[in-house]
Amino acid sequence: MESVCVCVELHLPYHLKWYWPADGYRSPQMSSYFDQDRIFTDFQRMAANISRTNKVLERSIGNGATYTLCLSGTFLDQCSWDPKVLGSFRDLADSGNVAFAASTYYHSLSALYPDLTDFKEQVWMHMEKISELFGTVPASFVNPELLISGNIGGVLKKLGLTCIIAEGAQNLLNTDVPARVYSDDIPTLLRHIDLSEDVNKRFSDRAWDGHPLIADKFSSWIERIEGDVVTLYLDYGSIPWNESKAGGMFQFLEDLPLSLEARGISMIRPEDAAKRFEKIKLGSLKTESAARYGMESLLGNHAQHFYLKELEIMTRELAEITAFSENAEMKKIFGYLQQSDIFLDMNTASITGYEKAVNNLSILSDFRRAIWEGRT
């Protein structure tokens, strides 16, 4: 193995509230549909861990690491509550060897809409926000839930993006290990699921046969893989969580670049991997769909499909209402109603999946009703 790409995602959703218009229809406001107390509490909890986690990443970078950060637009919006959080990420960016990935601003599944106009606008909106906040233009792209589906490569290339990071699902790869740069349209790096979950989920599991996971052991696993590049996709929140749960995570990240370097393995950006290595044609990138933890988690039941279809219809409808396009608050609400988390909540594998489906569809219906009644 020649190199490793490590992408770290930080996304905090705007949770929907339990909604029932018992006193009649409500006006379409953030407080009508979103659980603001829970959203703020979740942000405060994460904010308390960001400074020390970013210091660890900074020390890791000092040891030779390179990271790509994927910060969702919903998280960046919440950062207005605490400017020090953004300052911590600016300091991390200034430390060197940090890139930022583009995504759909509202962490939406708009890549699945037949008309990709809204998808393109959300990606461009996210790229502009990253440029405004951190003074850098993203070169790589990550769909929410590492979704890959449909022909979005042409849109991304027109926006100046040079590669995609997606899920390394078996229906894309068959029996192969994701260790190359793949392409059928735009260069694509596929997440190595097992190694990523070793860090995200199994790191603090004392019953796991890989415990304790130290950098030297992990690097030896990577070294044995044949290929050009291994792509790891980590949840930012798992870093402080694993550190508090069992310890050792911070030291692992500090030691990782040194352990990899000792084996002749470099840490690089996804866009650099796309330039450096030969692209392997993989036709399934256009014919198959994949997402982290399976497409069925997002679109495994009728309610999820119905919600997606309603979003598609509303996107077309709202584009024709001038008053809506000029109303920043209403556009923001509709953006937040597209979050991938809403689809995950309606997964009927969850004990509350059916109740969430009724609730979420009620909110979307009420928002549509309010827009058409008020044309605002």
Protein backbone atom coordinates (compact mmCIF):
# COMPACT_ATOMS: atom_id res chain seq x y z
CA MET A 1 0.00 0.00 0.00
CA GLU A 2 1.32 3.40 -0.98
CA SER A 3 -0.99 5.89 0.71
CA VAL A 4 -3.96 6.59 2.96
CA CYS A 5 -6.69 9.22 2.70
CA VAL A 6 -8.48 10.10 5.93
CA CYS A 7 -11.72 12.06 5.71
CA VAL A 8 -13.42 13.18 8.94
CA GLU A 9 -17.08 14.18 8.87
CA LEU A 10 -18.78 16.50 11.35
CA HIS A 11 -22.53 16.83 10.87
CA LEU A 12 -25.12 17.97 13.38
CA PRO A 13 -28.72 17.82 12.17
CA TYR A 14 -31.68 20.07 12.81
CA HIS A 15 -33.94 17.53 14.52
CA LEU A 16 -37.64 17.63 13.75
CA LYS A 17 -39.94 17.98 16.74
CA TRP A 18 -42.96 15.83 17.50
CA TYR A 19 -45.59 17.75 15.64
CA TRP A 20 -49.36 17.84 15.95
CA PRO A 21 -51.29 21.02 15.06
CA ALA A 22 -53.85 20.54 17.84
CA ASP A 23 -54.71 24.23 17.92
CA GLY A 24 -55.01 24.63 14.17
CA TYR A 25 -52.40 25.19 11.50
CA ARG A 26 -49.23 27.04 12.45
CA SER A 27 -47.17 29.60 10.61
CA PRO A 28 -44.08 28.07 8.95
CA GLN A 29 -41.28 29.01 11.36
CA MET A 30 -38.21 27.19 12.64
CA SER A 31 -39.84 26.86 16.06
CA SER A 32 -42.90 25.25 14.47
CA TYR A 33 -41.04 22.27 13.06
CA PHE A 34 -37.65 21.88 14.72
CA ASP A 35 -36.67 20.82 18.24
CA GLN A 36 -34.52 23.82 19.01
CA ASP A 37 -33.71 22.82 22.60
CA ARG A 38 -32.35 19.45 21.48
CA ILE A 39 -30.44 21.01 18.57
CA PHE A 40 -28.76 23.55 20.84
CA THR A 41 -27.98 20.94 23.51
CA ASP A 42 -26.35 18.64 20.94
CA PHE A 43 -24.29 21.54 19.62
CA GLN A 44 -23.12 22.54 23.10
CA ARG A 45 -22.11 18.95 23.83
CA MET A 46 -20.06 18.77 20.64
CA ALA A 47 -18.61 22.26 21.07
CA ALA A 48 -17.21 21.23 24.47
CA ASN A 49 -15.10 18.57 22.72
CA ILE A 50 -14.03 20.42 19.57
CA SER A 51 -11.15 22.47 20.92
CA ARG A 52 -9.29 19.53 22.48
CA THR A 53 -10.05 17.24 19.54
CA ASN A 54 -8.73 19.77 17.04
CA LYS A 55 -5.59 20.17 19.14
CA VAL A 56 -5.02 16.44 18.80
CA LEU A 57 -5.53 16.62 15.04
CA GLU A 58 -3.09 19.53 14.95
CA ARG A 59 -0.45 17.47 16.75
CA SER A 60 -1.14 14.59 14.36
CA ILE A 61 -0.60 16.97 11.45
CA GLY A 62 2.64 18.08 13.07
CA ASN A 63 3.71 14.43 12.89
CA GLY A 64 3.00 14.33 9.16
CA ALA A 65 -0.73 13.60 8.92
CA THR A 66 -3.07 14.96 6.25
CA TYR A 67 -6.82 15.19 6.82
CA THR A 68 -9.85 16.10 4.76
CA LEU A 69 -12.70 17.59 6.77
CA CYS A 70 -16.33 17.39 5.69
CA LEU A 71 -18.26 19.94 7.76
CA SER A 72 -21.97 19.95 6.92
CA GLY A 73 -23.80 23.18 6.20
CA THR A 74 -26.19 22.49 9.06
CA PHE A 75 -23.24 22.29 11.47
CA LEU A 76 -21.71 25.46 10.04
CA ASP A 77 -25.04 27.25 10.55
CA GLN A 78 -25.06 26.18 14.20
CA CYS A 79 -21.55 27.54 14.68
CA SER A 80 -23.08 31.04 14.77
CA TRP A 81 -23.97 30.18 18.38
CA ASP A 82 -20.29 29.94 19.34
CA PRO A 83 -17.71 31.70 17.09
CA LYS A 84 -14.88 29.99 19.00
CA VAL A 85 -15.84 26.72 17.34
CA LEU A 86 -15.18 28.11 13.88
CA GLY A 87 -11.99 29.69 15.20
CA SER A 88 -10.77 26.26 16.27
CA PHE A 89 -11.28 24.90 12.75
CA ARG A 90 -9.57 27.94 11.25
CA ASP A 91 -6.59 27.30 13.50
CA LEU A 92 -6.57 23.68 12.36
CA ALA A 93 -6.69 24.73 8.71
CA ASP A 94 -3.83 27.18 9.27
CA SER A 95 -1.70 24.40 10.74
CA GLY A 96 -1.33 22.93 7.24
CA ASN A 97 -2.26 19.67 5.48
CA VAL A 98 -6.00 20.12 5.97
CA ALA A 99 -8.44 20.12 3.08
CA PHE A 100 -12.20 20.65 3.11
CA ALA A 101 -14.64 18.52 1.12
CA ALA A 102 -17.78 19.83 -0.53
CA SER A 103 -21.21 18.34 0.08
CA THR A 104 -24.87 19.25 -0.31
CA TYR A 105 -25.35 22.21 2.03
CA TYR A 106 -28.36 20.82 3.87
CA HIS A 107 -26.98 17.27 4.06
CA SER A 108 -29.72 16.35 1.61
CA LEU A 109 -30.29 13.49 -0.80
CA SER A 110 -30.86 15.94 -3.68
CA ALA A 111 -28.46 13.85 -5.80
CA LEU A 112 -31.43 11.46 -6.15
CA TYR A 113 -33.77 14.06 -7.67
CA PRO A 114 -34.38 13.59 -11.40
CA ASP A 115 -33.61 17.28 -11.95
CA LEU A 116 -30.15 18.02 -10.51
CA THR A 117 -30.62 21.80 -10.43
CA ASP A 118 -31.21 21.90 -6.66
CA PHE A 119 -28.34 19.47 -6.08
CA LYS A 120 -26.00 21.75 -8.02
CA GLU A 121 -27.19 24.83 -6.11
CA GLN A 122 -26.71 23.16 -2.73
CA VAL A 123 -23.20 21.95 -3.57
CA TRP A 124 -22.24 25.41 -4.84
CA MET A 125 -23.74 26.98 -1.70
CA HIS A 126 -21.61 24.70 0.47
CA MET A 127 -18.46 25.43 -1.54
CA GLU A 128 -19.04 29.17 -1.18
CA LYS A 129 -19.53 28.81 2.58
CA ILE A 130 -16.28 26.84 2.95
CA SER A 131 -14.44 29.44 0.88
CA GLU A 132 -15.92 32.29 2.93
CA LEU A 133 -15.09 30.73 6.30
CA PHE A 134 -11.73 29.07 5.62
CA GLY A 135 -10.34 30.78 2.52
CA THR A 136 -10.04 27.58 0.52
CA VAL A 137 -12.01 26.01 -2.32
CA PRO A 138 -12.95 22.31 -1.98
CA ALA A 139 -11.63 19.91 -4.60
CA SER A 140 -13.29 16.68 -3.36
CA PHE A 141 -16.96 15.87 -2.86
CA VAL A 142 -18.83 13.71 -0.36
CA ASN A 143 -22.54 12.98 -0.62
CA PRO A 144 -24.39 12.64 2.71
CA GLU A 145 -24.28 9.04 3.97
CA LEU A 146 -21.53 8.44 1.38
CA LEU A 147 -24.32 8.04 -1.16
CA ILE A 148 -23.44 7.14 -4.72
CA SER A 149 -26.25 6.99 -7.22
CA GLY A 150 -26.97 8.36 -10.65
CA ASN A 151 -24.98 10.55 -12.94
CA ILE A 152 -23.72 13.44 -10.82
CA GLY A 153 -20.15 13.41 -12.08
CA GLY A 154 -20.79 15.87 -14.89
CA VAL A 155 -22.37 18.38 -12.49
CA LEU A 156 -19.49 18.07 -10.04
CA LYS A 157 -16.84 18.53 -12.73
CA LYS A 158 -18.58 21.72 -13.92
CA LEU A 159 -18.31 23.02 -10.35
CA GLY A 160 -14.56 22.39 -10.41
CA LEU A 161 -14.57 19.32 -8.17
CA THR A 162 -12.08 16.62 -9.10
CA CYS A 163 -13.09 13.48 -7.14
CA ILE A 164 -15.75 11.80 -5.01
CA ILE A 165 -15.52 9.86 -1.76
CA ALA A 166 -18.26 7.19 -1.51
CA GLU A 167 -19.19 3.97 0.26
CA GLY A 168 -17.11 0.89 -0.57
CA ALA A 169 -20.14 -1.39 -0.76
CA GLN A 170 -19.83 -4.94 -2.05
CA ASN A 171 -22.44 -4.40 -4.79
CA LEU A 172 -19.98 -1.92 -6.32
CA LEU A 173 -16.83 -3.95 -5.83
CA ASN A 174 -18.03 -7.56 -5.78
CA THR A 175 -15.23 -9.26 -3.80
CA ASP A 176 -12.52 -6.66 -4.26
CA VAL A 177 -11.03 -4.58 -1.45
CA PRO A 178 -11.42 -0.82 -2.08
CA ALA A 179 -7.78 0.15 -2.53
CA ARG A 180 -7.68 2.04 -5.84
CA VAL A 181 -8.95 5.20 -7.46
CA TYR A 182 -11.98 4.13 -9.48
CA SER A 183 -13.73 5.87 -12.33
CA ASP A 184 -16.53 5.62 -14.82
CA ASP A 185 -17.00 9.38 -15.05
CA ILE A 186 -15.21 11.20 -12.23
CA PRO A 187 -12.40 9.75 -10.04
CA THR A 188 -13.93 7.99 -7.03
CA LEU A 189 -12.38 6.81 -3.77
CA LEU A 190 -14.37 4.17 -1.90
CA ARG A 191 -14.40 3.91 1.89
CA HIS A 192 -12.72 0.87 3.38
CA ILE A 193 -15.62 -0.13 5.60
CA ASP A 194 -13.86 -2.53 8.00
CA LEU A 195 -10.88 -0.30 8.76
CA SER A 196 -13.10 2.78 9.15
CA GLU A 197 -15.40 0.97 11.56
CA ASP A 198 -12.41 -0.38 13.50
CA VAL A 199 -11.75 3.24 14.45
CA ASN A 200 -15.33 4.54 14.60
CA LYS A 201 -17.14 1.72 16.40
CA ARG A 202 -14.79 -1.00 17.62
CA PHE A 203 -11.94 1.08 19.03
CA SER A 204 -13.29 1.10 22.60
CA ASP A 205 -14.84 -2.39 22.50
CA ARG A 206 -12.77 -4.43 24.95
CA ALA A 207 -14.39 -7.66 23.70
CA TRP A 208 -13.15 -7.04 20.14
CA ASP A 209 -10.20 -9.24 19.21
CA GLY A 210 -8.38 -6.20 17.81
CA HIS A 211 -8.46 -4.37 21.15
CA PRO A 212 -6.45 -2.40 22.07
CA LEU A 213 -6.03 -0.70 18.72
CA ILE A 214 -2.71 1.12 18.53
CA ALA A 215 -1.28 2.96 15.54
CA ASP A 216 1.46 0.42 14.85
CA LYS A 217 -0.99 -2.48 14.71
CA PHE A 218 -3.41 -0.54 12.51
CA SER A 219 -0.62 0.51 10.14
CA SER A 220 0.50 -3.10 9.79
CA TRP A 221 -3.02 -4.04 8.65
CA ILE A 222 -2.94 -1.30 6.02
CA GLU A 223 0.54 -2.32 4.90
CA ARG A 224 -0.68 -5.82 4.01
CA ILE A 225 -3.37 -4.53 1.63
CA GLU A 226 -2.43 -4.60 -2.05
CA GLY A 227 -3.26 -1.41 -3.91
CA ASP A 228 -2.61 2.30 -4.25
CA VAL A 229 -4.72 4.03 -1.61
CA VAL A 230 -6.90 3.11 1.37
CA THR A 231 -9.68 5.58 2.15
CA LEU A 232 -10.86 5.93 5.74
CA TYR A 233 -14.01 7.86 6.56
CA LEU A 234 -14.38 8.72 10.24
CA ASP A 235 -17.10 10.36 12.30
CA TYR A 236 -15.65 13.36 14.11
CA GLY A 237 -17.78 12.65 17.18
CA SER A 238 -16.30 9.16 17.52
CA ILE A 239 -12.89 10.67 18.34
CA PRO A 240 -13.76 12.31 21.69
CA TRP A 241 -16.31 9.56 22.42
CA ASN A 242 -13.76 6.77 22.11
CA GLU A 243 -11.22 8.77 24.10
CA SER A 244 -13.67 9.20 26.97
CA LYS A 245 -14.89 5.61 26.75
CA ALA A 246 -11.61 3.73 26.83
CA GLY A 247 -8.74 6.18 26.29
CA GLY A 248 -6.03 5.84 23.70
CA MET A 249 -7.80 7.46 20.75
CA PHE A 250 -5.90 10.74 20.95
CA GLN A 251 -2.58 8.91 21.18
CA PHE A 252 -3.61 6.70 18.26
CA LEU A 253 -4.16 9.73 16.02
CA GLU A 254 -0.90 11.35 17.08
CA ASP A 255 1.08 8.17 16.38
CA LEU A 256 -0.68 7.14 13.15
CA PRO A 257 1.28 9.28 10.66
CA LEU A 258 4.60 8.20 12.20
CA SER A 259 3.64 4.52 12.09
CA LEU A 260 2.52 4.80 8.48
CA GLU A 261 5.65 6.69 7.48
CA ALA A 262 7.82 3.99 9.02
CA ARG A 263 6.21 1.57 6.55
CA GLY A 264 6.63 3.90 3.58
CA ILE A 265 2.93 4.84 3.49
CA SER A 266 1.99 8.50 3.01
CA MET A 267 -1.16 10.32 4.11
CA ILE A 268 -2.55 12.37 1.22
CA ARG A 269 -5.64 14.30 0.12
CA PRO A 270 -8.26 12.57 -2.05
CA GLU A 271 -7.67 15.04 -4.88
CA ASP A 272 -3.94 14.21 -4.79
CA ALA A 273 -4.73 10.49 -4.99
CA ALA A 274 -6.95 11.19 -8.01
CA LYS A 275 -4.02 12.87 -9.75
CA ARG A 276 -1.32 10.42 -8.70
CA PHE A 277 -2.80 7.01 -9.36
CA GLU A 278 -4.13 5.27 -12.43
CA LYS A 279 -7.91 5.24 -12.52
CA ILE A 280 -9.53 1.79 -12.62
CA LYS A 281 -12.75 1.71 -14.64
CA LEU A 282 -15.67 0.51 -12.51
CA GLY A 283 -18.93 0.39 -14.46
CA SER A 284 -21.03 -0.35 -11.36
CA LEU A 285 -20.54 3.25 -10.24
CA LYS A 286 -23.21 4.20 -12.80
CA THR A 287 -25.46 1.16 -12.54
CA GLU A 288 -25.54 0.56 -8.77
CA SER A 289 -26.49 2.63 -5.74
CA ALA A 290 -24.80 2.48 -2.36
CA ALA A 291 -24.84 4.31 0.96
CA ARG A 292 -23.27 3.92 4.36
CA TYR A 293 -25.04 1.10 6.23
CA GLY A 294 -27.04 0.24 3.10
CA MET A 295 -29.50 1.98 0.79
CA GLU A 296 -32.34 0.37 2.71
CA SER A 297 -31.53 2.61 5.69
CA LEU A 298 -32.46 5.62 3.54
CA LEU A 299 -35.01 4.24 1.09
CA GLY A 300 -36.09 0.90 2.48
CA ASN A 301 -39.80 1.55 2.89
CA HIS A 302 -42.74 3.30 1.28
CA ALA A 303 -42.72 6.27 3.64
CA GLN A 304 -39.10 7.11 2.80
CA HIS A 305 -39.79 6.85 -0.94
CA PHE A 306 -42.93 8.97 -0.55
CA TYR A 307 -41.04 11.65 1.40
CA LEU A 308 -38.36 11.78 -1.32
CA LYS A 309 -41.02 12.09 -4.04
CA GLU A 310 -42.73 14.90 -2.17
CA LEU A 311 -39.42 16.76 -1.91
CA GLU A 312 -38.90 16.36 -5.66
CA ILE A 313 -42.36 17.79 -6.38
CA MET A 314 -41.98 20.66 -3.91
CA THR A 315 -38.58 21.59 -5.33
CA ARG A 316 -40.20 22.11 -8.74
CA GLU A 317 -43.21 23.91 -7.29
CA LEU A 318 -41.26 26.29 -5.08
CA ALA A 319 -38.92 27.25 -7.92
CA GLU A 320 -41.93 28.88 -9.59
CA ILE A 321 -42.93 30.99 -6.55
CA THR A 322 -41.00 34.24 -6.66
CA ALA A 323 -41.92 35.22 -3.11
CA PHE A 324 -40.50 31.94 -1.81
CA SER A 325 -37.18 32.33 -3.66
CA GLU A 326 -36.80 35.76 -2.04
CA ASN A 327 -37.63 34.55 1.49
CA ALA A 328 -34.40 33.36 3.13
CA GLU A 329 -36.15 31.93 6.21
CA MET A 330 -38.55 29.78 4.19
CA LYS A 331 -35.72 28.54 1.95
CA LYS A 332 -33.74 27.57 5.05
CA ILE A 333 -36.68 25.64 6.52
CA PHE A 334 -37.18 23.75 3.26
CA GLY A 335 -33.46 23.01 3.13
CA TYR A 336 -33.51 21.54 6.63
CA LEU A 337 -36.56 19.44 5.71
CA GLN A 338 -34.36 17.66 3.15
CA GLN A 339 -31.76 16.33 5.63
CA SER A 340 -30.73 12.70 5.24
CA ASP A 341 -31.31 12.25 8.98
CA ILE A 342 -35.06 12.57 8.37
CA PHE A 343 -34.92 9.53 6.10
CA LEU A 344 -32.84 7.59 8.63
CA ASP A 345 -35.40 8.39 11.35
CA MET A 346 -38.11 6.77 9.22
CA ASN A 347 -36.20 3.49 8.94
CA THR A 348 -38.68 0.92 10.19
CA ALA A 349 -35.87 -1.17 11.63
CA SER A 350 -36.08 1.43 14.41
CA ILE A 351 -38.74 0.99 17.08
CA THR A 352 -40.04 4.52 16.38
CA GLY A 353 -39.72 4.35 12.59
CA TYR A 354 -43.45 4.24 11.85
CA GLU A 355 -44.25 7.06 14.28
CA LYS A 356 -41.44 9.19 12.86
CA ALA A 357 -42.72 8.58 9.33
CA VAL A 358 -46.18 9.89 10.22
CA ASN A 359 -44.68 12.82 12.07
CA ASN A 360 -42.18 13.82 9.40
CA LEU A 361 -44.67 13.57 6.55
CA SER A 362 -47.13 15.67 8.59
CA ILE A 363 -44.53 18.41 8.95
CA LEU A 364 -43.65 18.37 5.27
CA SER A 365 -47.34 18.48 4.33
CA ASP A 366 -47.99 21.38 6.68
CA PHE A 367 -45.06 23.35 5.29
CA ARG A 368 -46.32 22.81 1.75
CA ARG A 369 -49.82 23.89 2.81
CA ALA A 370 -48.48 27.07 4.44
CA ILE A 371 -46.41 28.04 1.40
CA TRP A 372 -49.29 27.59 -1.02
CA GLU A 373 -51.76 29.44 1.23
CA GLY A 374 -49.47 32.37 1.85
CA ARG A 375 -47.29 32.22 -1.29
CA THR A 376 -44.42 33.30 0.98
